C-alpha atoms as a PDB file:
ATOM      1  CA  MET A   1      -9.946  11.225  20.746  1.00  0.00           C
ATOM      2  CA  ARG A   2      -9.201  11.876  16.863  1.00  0.00           C
ATOM      3  CA  ILE A   3     -11.768  10.402  14.845  1.00  0.00           C
ATOM      4  CA  HIS A   4     -10.872  11.052  10.643  1.00  0.00           C
ATOM      5  CA  ARG A   5     -14.772  10.440   9.356  1.00  0.00           C
ATOM      6  CA  SER A   6     -16.763  13.672   9.682  1.00  0.00           C
ATOM      7  CA  ARG A   7     -20.112  12.026  10.749  1.00  0.00           C
ATOM      8  CA  ALA A   8     -23.377  14.271  12.424  1.00  0.00           C
ATOM      9  CA  ALA A   9     -25.777  11.930  13.897  1.00  0.00           C
ATOM     10  CA  ALA A  10     -25.810   8.211  15.540  1.00  0.00           C
ATOM     11  CA  LEU A  11     -26.230   5.374  13.470  1.00  0.00           C
ATOM     12  CA  ALA A  12     -28.747   3.371  15.135  1.00  0.00           C
ATOM     13  CA  THR A  13     -28.464   0.831  12.254  1.00  0.00           C
ATOM     14  CA  ALA A  14     -24.481  -0.419  12.811  1.00  0.00           C
ATOM     15  CA  VAL A  15     -24.066   0.167  16.588  1.00  0.00           C
ATOM     16  CA  GLY A  16     -27.482  -1.909  17.335  1.00  0.00           C
ATOM     17  CA  PHE A  17     -26.011  -4.427  15.361  1.00  0.00           C
ATOM     18  CA  VAL A  18     -22.848  -4.487  17.765  1.00  0.00           C
ATOM     19  CA  LEU A  19     -24.932  -5.154  20.735  1.00  0.00           C
ATOM     20  CA  THR A  20     -26.883  -8.001  19.492  1.00  0.00           C
ATOM     21  CA  LEU A  21     -23.928 -10.239  18.340  1.00  0.00           C
ATOM     22  CA  THR A  22     -23.148 -13.155  21.103  1.00  0.00           C
ATOM     23  CA  GLY A  23     -20.144 -14.388  18.799  1.00  0.00           C
ATOM     24  CA  CYS A  24     -19.542 -15.775  15.535  1.00  0.00           C
ATOM     25  CA  GLY A  25     -19.257 -18.963  14.262  1.00  0.00           C
ATOM     26  CA  SER A  26     -16.545 -20.525  12.602  1.00  0.00           C
ATOM     27  CA  GLY A  27     -17.043 -20.273   8.903  1.00  0.00           C
ATOM     28  CA  GLY A  28     -20.731 -18.821   9.642  1.00  0.00           C
ATOM     29  CA  SER A  29     -22.081 -22.029  11.513  1.00  0.00           C
ATOM     30  CA  GLY A  30     -24.888 -21.295  13.734  1.00  0.00           C
ATOM     31  CA  GLY A  31     -26.045 -23.527  16.625  1.00  0.00           C
ATOM     32  CA  THR A  32     -26.969 -23.412  20.067  1.00  0.00           C
ATOM     33  CA  ASP A  33     -23.112 -22.690  21.713  1.00  0.00           C
ATOM     34  CA  GLY A  34     -23.657 -18.908  21.463  1.00  0.00           C
ATOM     35  CA  LYS A  35     -21.913 -18.290  18.578  1.00  0.00           C
ATOM     36  CA  PHE A  36     -23.304 -16.496  15.591  1.00  0.00           C
ATOM     37  CA  LYS A  37     -26.956 -17.334  14.155  1.00  0.00           C
ATOM     38  CA  ALA A  38     -27.354 -17.567  10.780  1.00  0.00           C
ATOM     39  CA  PRO A  39     -30.257 -16.056   9.162  1.00  0.00           C
ATOM     40  CA  THR A  40     -32.180 -18.411   7.215  1.00  0.00           C
ATOM     41  CA  ALA A  41     -31.701 -16.466   4.031  1.00  0.00           C
ATOM     42  CA  GLY A  42     -28.075 -16.053   4.385  1.00  0.00           C
ATOM     43  CA  THR A  43     -25.721 -17.088   1.715  1.00  0.00           C
ATOM     44  CA  GLY A  44     -22.237 -16.536   1.032  1.00  0.00           C
ATOM     45  CA  THR A  45     -20.646 -18.114   4.339  1.00  0.00           C
ATOM     46  CA  PRO A  46     -17.371 -17.868   4.465  1.00  0.00           C
ATOM     47  CA  SER A  47     -14.984 -20.879   6.189  1.00  0.00           C
ATOM     48  CA  ALA A  48     -12.334 -19.890   9.366  1.00  0.00           C
ATOM     49  CA  SER A  49      -9.241 -21.506   9.361  1.00  0.00           C
ATOM     50  CA  GLY A  50      -5.420 -21.525  10.675  1.00  0.00           C
ATOM     51  CA  THR A  51      -3.981 -21.488  13.509  1.00  0.00           C
ATOM     52  CA  PRO A  52      -2.101 -18.752  15.535  1.00  0.00           C
ATOM     53  CA  ALA A  53       1.083 -17.977  13.562  1.00  0.00           C
ATOM     54  CA  ALA A  54       4.722 -17.452  15.367  1.00  0.00           C
ATOM     55  CA  SER A  55       4.045 -13.556  14.880  1.00  0.00           C
ATOM     56  CA  GLY A  56       0.364 -13.823  16.506  1.00  0.00           C
ATOM     57  CA  THR A  57      -1.595 -13.706  13.531  1.00  0.00           C
ATOM     58  CA  ALA A  58      -4.653 -15.588  13.139  1.00  0.00           C
ATOM     59  CA  SER A  59      -6.582 -15.870   9.587  1.00  0.00           C
ATOM     60  CA  ALA A  60      -9.633 -16.465   8.370  1.00  0.00           C
ATOM     61  CA  THR A  61     -10.220 -17.134   4.513  1.00  0.00           C
ATOM     62  CA  PRO A  62     -13.756 -17.091   2.851  1.00  0.00           C
ATOM     63  CA  THR A  63     -13.663 -20.266   0.739  1.00  0.00           C
ATOM     64  CA  ALA A  64     -14.414 -18.784  -2.477  1.00  0.00           C
ATOM     65  CA  ALA A  65     -11.782 -15.874  -1.967  1.00  0.00           C
ATOM     66  CA  GLY A  66      -9.748 -14.626  -4.821  1.00  0.00           C
ATOM     67  CA  PRO A  67      -6.099 -14.053  -5.304  1.00  0.00           C
ATOM     68  CA  SER A  68      -4.488 -13.408  -1.568  1.00  0.00           C
ATOM     69  CA  GLY A  69      -4.184  -9.718  -0.886  1.00  0.00           C
ATOM     70  CA  THR A  70      -1.327  -8.136   0.862  1.00  0.00           C
ATOM     71  CA  GLY A  71      -0.728  -5.609   3.292  1.00  0.00           C
ATOM     72  CA  ASP A  72       1.489  -4.360   6.541  1.00  0.00           C
ATOM     73  CA  PRO A  73       0.341  -6.396   9.316  1.00  0.00           C
ATOM     74  CA  ALA A  74       0.597  -3.466  11.586  1.00  0.00           C
ATOM     75  CA  GLY A  75      -0.508  -1.261   8.954  1.00  0.00           C
ATOM     76  CA  ALA A  76       1.895   1.614  10.532  1.00  0.00           C
ATOM     77  CA  ALA A  77       3.674   2.206   6.755  1.00  0.00           C
ATOM     78  CA  GLY A  78       2.758   5.185   4.638  1.00  0.00           C
ATOM     79  CA  PRO A  79       0.400   8.353   5.279  1.00  0.00           C
ATOM     80  CA  THR A  80      -3.359   7.936   5.238  1.00  0.00           C
ATOM     81  CA  PRO A  81      -4.703   8.801   2.018  1.00  0.00           C
ATOM     82  CA  THR A  82      -7.219  11.687   2.251  1.00  0.00           C
ATOM     83  CA  GLY A  83      -8.839  14.493   0.170  1.00  0.00           C
ATOM     84  CA  PRO A  84      -9.676  17.966   0.226  1.00  0.00           C
ATOM     85  CA  ASP A  85     -12.750  17.544   2.603  1.00  0.00           C
ATOM     86  CA  GLY A  86     -10.746  15.128   5.340  1.00  0.00           C
ATOM     87  CA  LYS A  87     -12.499  12.055   4.097  1.00  0.00           C
ATOM     88  CA  GLY A  88     -10.719   9.212   3.350  1.00  0.00           C
ATOM     89  CA  LYS A  89     -10.073   7.597   0.146  1.00  0.00           C
ATOM     90  CA  ALA A  90      -9.095   4.100  -0.683  1.00  0.00           C
ATOM     91  CA  THR A  91      -5.911   4.590  -2.279  1.00  0.00           C
ATOM     92  CA  GLY A  92      -5.924   8.198  -3.475  1.00  0.00           C
ATOM     93  CA  GLY A  93      -7.180   9.591  -6.849  1.00  0.00           C
ATOM     94  CA  THR A  94     -10.169  11.281  -8.175  1.00  0.00           C
ATOM     95  CA  ASP A  95     -12.129   8.796  -9.465  1.00  0.00           C
ATOM     96  CA  ALA A  96     -15.697   8.043  -8.075  1.00  0.00           C
ATOM     97  CA  THR A  97     -15.052   4.649  -6.820  1.00  0.00           C
ATOM     98  CA  THR A  98     -13.050   6.286  -3.939  1.00  0.00           C
ATOM     99  CA  GLU A  99     -16.015   7.911  -3.009  1.00  0.00           C
ATOM    100  CA  ASP A 100     -18.218   7.457   0.447  1.00  0.00           C
ATOM    101  CA  ALA A 101     -21.302   7.282  -1.915  1.00  0.00           C
ATOM    102  CA  TYR A 102     -19.994   4.764  -4.121  1.00  0.00           C
ATOM    103  CA  ALA A 103     -18.745   2.731  -1.080  1.00  0.00           C
ATOM    104  CA  TYR A 104     -22.285   2.634   0.008  1.00  0.00           C
ATOM    105  CA  THR A 105     -24.240   1.656  -2.951  1.00  0.00           C
ATOM    106  CA  HIS A 106     -21.539  -1.064  -3.935  1.00  0.00           C
ATOM    107  CA  PRO A 107     -20.954  -3.224  -0.251  1.00  0.00           C
ATOM    108  CA  CYS A 108     -18.429  -5.403  -0.188  1.00  0.00           C
ATOM    109  CA  SER A 109     -19.293  -9.515  -0.459  1.00  0.00           C
ATOM    110  CA  ALA A 110     -17.706 -11.969   2.592  1.00  0.00           C
ATOM    111  CA  ARG A 111     -16.313 -13.933  -0.137  1.00  0.00           C
ATOM    112  CA  ASN A 112     -14.397 -11.509  -1.465  1.00  0.00           C
ATOM    113  CA  LEU A 113     -12.717 -10.438   1.617  1.00  0.00           C
ATOM    114  CA  THR A 114     -10.113 -12.088   3.899  1.00  0.00           C
ATOM    115  CA  VAL A 115     -10.324 -11.032   7.626  1.00  0.00           C
ATOM    116  CA  LYS A 116      -7.374 -11.509  10.148  1.00  0.00           C
ATOM    117  CA  VAL A 117      -6.093 -10.527  13.536  1.00  0.00           C
ATOM    118  CA  THR A 118      -3.014  -9.599  14.703  1.00  0.00           C
ATOM    119  CA  SER A 119      -1.199  -7.781  18.032  1.00  0.00           C
ATOM    120  CA  PRO A 120       1.202  -5.883  16.288  1.00  0.00           C
ATOM    121  CA  GLN A 121       4.324  -4.632  17.910  1.00  0.00           C
ATOM    122  CA  GLY A 122       4.438  -1.225  19.380  1.00  0.00           C
ATOM    123  CA  PHE A 123       1.154  -1.380  20.118  1.00  0.00           C
ATOM    124  CA  PRO A 124      -0.795  -1.178  23.568  1.00  0.00           C
ATOM    125  CA  ALA A 125      -0.717  -4.795  25.262  1.00  0.00           C
ATOM    126  CA  THR A 126      -4.802  -4.690  25.096  1.00  0.00           C
ATOM    127  CA  VAL A 127      -4.812  -3.879  21.371  1.00  0.00           C
ATOM    128  CA  ARG A 128      -5.473  -6.028  18.500  1.00  0.00           C
ATOM    129  CA  VAL A 129      -5.667  -5.131  14.926  1.00  0.00           C
ATOM    130  CA  VAL A 130      -8.609  -6.630  12.336  1.00  0.00           C
ATOM    131  CA  THR A 131      -6.775  -6.262   8.887  1.00  0.00           C
ATOM    132  CA  VAL A 132      -9.736  -7.015   5.973  1.00  0.00           C
ATOM    133  CA  THR A 133      -8.457  -7.437   2.605  1.00  0.00           C
ATOM    134  CA  ASN A 134     -10.651  -6.593  -0.714  1.00  0.00           C
ATOM    135  CA  ASN A 135      -9.504  -9.954  -3.014  1.00  0.00           C
ATOM    136  CA  GLY A 136     -11.968  -8.775  -5.750  1.00  0.00           C
ATOM    137  CA  SER A 137     -12.146  -7.514  -8.898  1.00  0.00           C
ATOM    138  CA  THR A 138     -13.705  -3.891  -7.812  1.00  0.00           C
ATOM    139  CA  THR A 139     -13.985  -1.428  -5.489  1.00  0.00           C
ATOM    140  CA  CYS A 140     -16.347  -2.155  -2.617  1.00  0.00           C
ATOM    141  CA  GLY A 141     -17.581  -0.496   0.403  1.00  0.00           C
ATOM    142  CA  LEU A 142     -17.389  -1.352   4.273  1.00  0.00           C
ATOM    143  CA  ASP A 143     -19.291  -0.083   7.476  1.00  0.00           C
ATOM    144  CA  PHE A 144     -17.681   2.521   9.323  1.00  0.00           C
ATOM    145  CA  HIS A 145     -16.201  -0.741  11.551  1.00  0.00           C
ATOM    146  CA  PRO A 146     -16.845  -4.163  11.936  1.00  0.00           C
ATOM    147  CA  ALA A 147     -18.835  -5.953  14.882  1.00  0.00           C
ATOM    148  CA  ILE A 148     -16.539  -7.243  17.368  1.00  0.00           C
ATOM    149  CA  GLY A 149     -17.665  -9.904  20.132  1.00  0.00           C
ATOM    150  CA  PHE A 150     -15.294 -12.295  22.253  1.00  0.00           C
ATOM    151  CA  SER A 151     -15.173 -15.937  23.242  1.00  0.00           C
ATOM    152  CA  ALA A 152     -13.393 -18.652  25.664  1.00  0.00           C
ATOM    153  CA  LYS A 153     -13.169 -22.368  25.300  1.00  0.00           C
ATOM    154  CA  GLY A 154     -15.818 -22.064  22.673  1.00  0.00           C
ATOM    155  CA  SER A 155     -18.256 -20.207  24.590  1.00  0.00           C
ATOM    156  CA  ALA A 156     -19.692 -16.657  23.716  1.00  0.00           C
ATOM    157  CA  LEU A 157     -18.354 -14.070  26.625  1.00  0.00           C
ATOM    158  CA  GLY A 158     -21.692 -12.093  25.912  1.00  0.00           C
ATOM    159  CA  ILE A 159     -19.453  -9.118  25.877  1.00  0.00           C
ATOM    160  CA  GLN A 160     -19.144  -6.875  22.223  1.00  0.00           C
ATOM    161  CA  ALA A 161     -16.649  -3.732  21.522  1.00  0.00           C
ATOM    162  CA  THR A 162     -18.241  -0.381  21.605  1.00  0.00           C
ATOM    163  CA  PRO A 163     -17.542   1.788  18.504  1.00  0.00           C
ATOM    164  CA  PRO A 164     -16.580   5.501  18.923  1.00  0.00           C
ATOM    165  CA  GLU A 165     -19.685   7.842  19.515  1.00  0.00           C
ATOM    166  CA  GLY A 166     -20.988  10.479  17.383  1.00  0.00           C
ATOM    167  CA  LEU A 167     -20.994   8.356  13.933  1.00  0.00           C
ATOM    168  CA  GLY A 168     -23.785   9.008  11.517  1.00  0.00           C
ATOM    169  CA  GLY A 169     -24.470   9.433   8.151  1.00  0.00           C
ATOM    170  CA  ALA A 170     -24.195   6.457   5.518  1.00  0.00           C
ATOM    171  CA  PRO A 171     -22.028   3.562   6.399  1.00  0.00           C
ATOM    172  CA  ALA A 172     -19.442   3.283   4.057  1.00  0.00           C
ATOM    173  CA  HIS A 173     -15.569   2.827   3.625  1.00  0.00           C
ATOM    174  CA  PRO A 174     -14.302   2.105   0.587  1.00  0.00           C
ATOM    175  CA  VAL A 175     -11.699  -0.804  -0.358  1.00  0.00           C
ATOM    176  CA  ARG A 176     -10.150  -1.202  -3.639  1.00  0.00           C
ATOM    177  CA  PRO A 177      -8.977  -3.939  -5.421  1.00  0.00           C
ATOM    178  CA  GLY A 178      -6.056  -5.990  -3.415  1.00  0.00           C
ATOM    179  CA  ALA A 179      -6.356  -2.995  -0.643  1.00  0.00           C
ATOM    180  CA  THR A 180      -6.656  -3.660   3.124  1.00  0.00           C
ATOM    181  CA  THR A 181      -8.028  -1.401   5.601  1.00  0.00           C
ATOM    182  CA  TYR A 182      -7.696  -1.679   9.543  1.00  0.00           C
ATOM    183  CA  ALA A 183      -9.399  -1.498  12.672  1.00  0.00           C
ATOM    184  CA  ALA A 184      -7.810  -1.151  16.001  1.00  0.00           C
ATOM    185  CA  VAL A 185      -9.617  -3.154  19.157  1.00  0.00           C
ATOM    186  CA  ASP A 186      -8.788  -2.825  22.588  1.00  0.00           C
ATOM    187  CA  LEU A 187      -9.985  -5.479  24.554  1.00  0.00           C
ATOM    188  CA  ASN A 188      -9.228  -3.712  27.851  1.00  0.00           C
ATOM    189  CA  PRO A 189      -8.864   0.137  27.594  1.00  0.00           C
ATOM    190  CA  SER A 190      -9.088   0.583  31.373  1.00  0.00           C
ATOM    191  CA  GLY A 191      -7.456  -1.922  32.707  1.00  0.00           C
ATOM    192  CA  GLY A 192     -10.230  -3.671  34.711  1.00  0.00           C
ATOM    193  CA  GLY A 193     -11.297  -7.233  35.477  1.00  0.00           C
ATOM    194  CA  GLY A 194     -13.211  -9.659  33.271  1.00  0.00           C
ATOM    195  CA  PRO A 195     -13.024 -12.960  31.298  1.00  0.00           C
ATOM    196  CA  VAL A 196     -10.186 -13.595  29.586  1.00  0.00           C
ATOM    197  CA  ALA A 197     -10.836 -14.217  25.847  1.00  0.00           C
ATOM    198  CA  ASP A 198      -9.225 -16.727  23.757  1.00  0.00           C
ATOM    199  CA  GLU A 199     -11.327 -15.773  20.103  1.00  0.00           C
ATOM    200  CA  ILE A 200     -12.433 -13.077  18.344  1.00  0.00           C
ATOM    201  CA  ASN A 201     -16.216 -12.970  16.394  1.00  0.00           C
ATOM    202  CA  ILE A 202     -15.741 -10.426  13.423  1.00  0.00           C
ATOM    203  CA  LEU A 203     -18.587  -9.524  11.322  1.00  0.00           C
ATOM    204  CA  ALA A 204     -16.638  -7.311   8.648  1.00  0.00           C
ATOM    205  CA  ASP A 205     -19.515  -5.573   7.441  1.00  0.00           C
ATOM    206  CA  PRO A 206     -22.744  -5.395  10.086  1.00  0.00           C
ATOM    207  CA  SER A 207     -24.863  -3.108   7.783  1.00  0.00           C
ATOM    208  CA  HIS A 208     -24.739  -5.394   4.603  1.00  0.00           C
ATOM    209  CA  MET A 209     -23.873  -8.478   6.282  1.00  0.00           C
ATOM    210  CA  PRO A 210     -25.936 -11.773   7.397  1.00  0.00           C
ATOM    211  CA  ASN A 211     -24.386 -13.051  11.128  1.00  0.00           C
ATOM    212  CA  ALA A 212     -23.602 -16.344   8.776  1.00  0.00           C
ATOM    213  CA  ASP A 213     -20.660 -14.050   7.240  1.00  0.00           C
ATOM    214  CA  GLY A 214     -19.044 -13.664  10.439  1.00  0.00           C
ATOM    215  CA  VAL A 215     -15.833 -15.163  11.329  1.00  0.00           C
ATOM    216  CA  SER A 216     -14.277 -16.428  14.486  1.00  0.00           C
ATOM    217  CA  LEU A 217     -10.295 -16.566  14.881  1.00  0.00           C
ATOM    218  CA  PRO A 218      -8.178 -17.617  17.578  1.00  0.00           C
ATOM    219  CA  LEU A 219      -5.965 -14.950  19.586  1.00  0.00           C
ATOM    220  CA  ALA A 220      -2.558 -15.784  19.675  1.00  0.00           C
ATOM    221  CA  THR A 221      -2.121 -14.031  22.706  1.00  0.00           C
ATOM    222  CA  THR A 222      -4.998 -14.267  25.091  1.00  0.00           C
ATOM    223  CA  GLY A 223      -6.628 -10.996  26.815  1.00  0.00           C
ATOM    224  CA  THR A 224      -8.743 -10.130  29.609  1.00  0.00           C
ATOM    225  CA  VAL A 225     -11.996  -8.352  28.373  1.00  0.00           C
ATOM    226  CA  ALA A 226     -13.233  -5.397  30.190  1.00  0.00           C
ATOM    227  CA  LYS A 227     -15.265  -2.422  28.319  1.00  0.00           C
ATOM    228  CA  PRO A 228     -14.000  -3.392  24.830  1.00  0.00           C
ATOM    229  CA  ARG A 229     -13.650  -0.604  22.208  1.00  0.00           C
ATOM    230  CA  VAL A 230     -13.567  -1.034  18.433  1.00  0.00           C
ATOM    231  CA  GLY A 231     -12.020   1.891  16.030  1.00  0.00           C
ATOM    232  CA  LEU A 232     -13.124   3.155  12.701  1.00  0.00           C
ATOM    233  CA  TYR A 233     -11.730   1.204   9.218  1.00  0.00           C
ATOM    234  CA  HIS A 234      -8.790   3.095   8.439  1.00  0.00           C
ATOM    235  CA  PHE A 235      -6.361   2.975   5.822  1.00  0.00           C
ATOM    236  CA  THR A 236      -3.590   2.390   8.773  1.00  0.00           C
ATOM    237  CA  ALA A 237      -3.808   0.340  11.789  1.00  0.00           C
ATOM    238  CA  ARG A 238      -2.332   3.560  13.720  1.00  0.00           C
ATOM    239  CA  ASP A 239      -4.685   5.847  12.447  1.00  0.00           C
ATOM    240  CA  SER A 240      -8.050   3.555  13.556  1.00  0.00           C
ATOM    241  CA  LEU A 241      -5.965   3.212  16.892  1.00  0.00           C
ATOM    242  CA  ASP A 242      -6.599   7.293  17.067  1.00  0.00           C
ATOM    243  CA  THR A 243     -10.278   6.689  16.785  1.00  0.00           C
ATOM    244  CA  LEU A 244     -10.651   4.686  19.990  1.00  0.00           C
END
């Protein structure tokens, strides 16, 4: 496993949040159906919409999102922009907005994000890729990885994807305006038996966003879920896949 972002200690906050998830409500709605429960002070709830396209892409567009961002669904084009310290930069360059410190103090707002999920060609059959596009006018920061859960026929499966081990430090991944970042999700790394999921539940930034900002998206291609894993956010899907 090759992790591109160097961290020293376990990140208890983000990992702990993943373990508490039981699913996302469409548009952040909470209830007794096993989906995300919205905290009483939660605001800025996006709505999940859209049906699986022929290419196997499902999308959720926040209600207050700006102009749609663009990006290669598979995230395979172009090298990963990095600095001399090996940390990722949002789109290259040396200004402060590309640094982790800036991203940490300027977290993304759910209303400025577009979240999608796809099954890219050339990837393992068990892998899906979550894409997050920043529709805002300024660079913002995300956690190391999204929080991921799964549902079947509208009911949460109670299974959450596990992130890479050894994460530590301030959770910050910079995303410039109009840029898209990628997080690979392996539903069944070992090929074991388990329930079949038809929906993926995504909270783009578990360190800064309430559960109400989570979205539930249909999986165009359903899959068996057993000990799922989620990779780190990266500037290409291939690089995120390498962190699983």
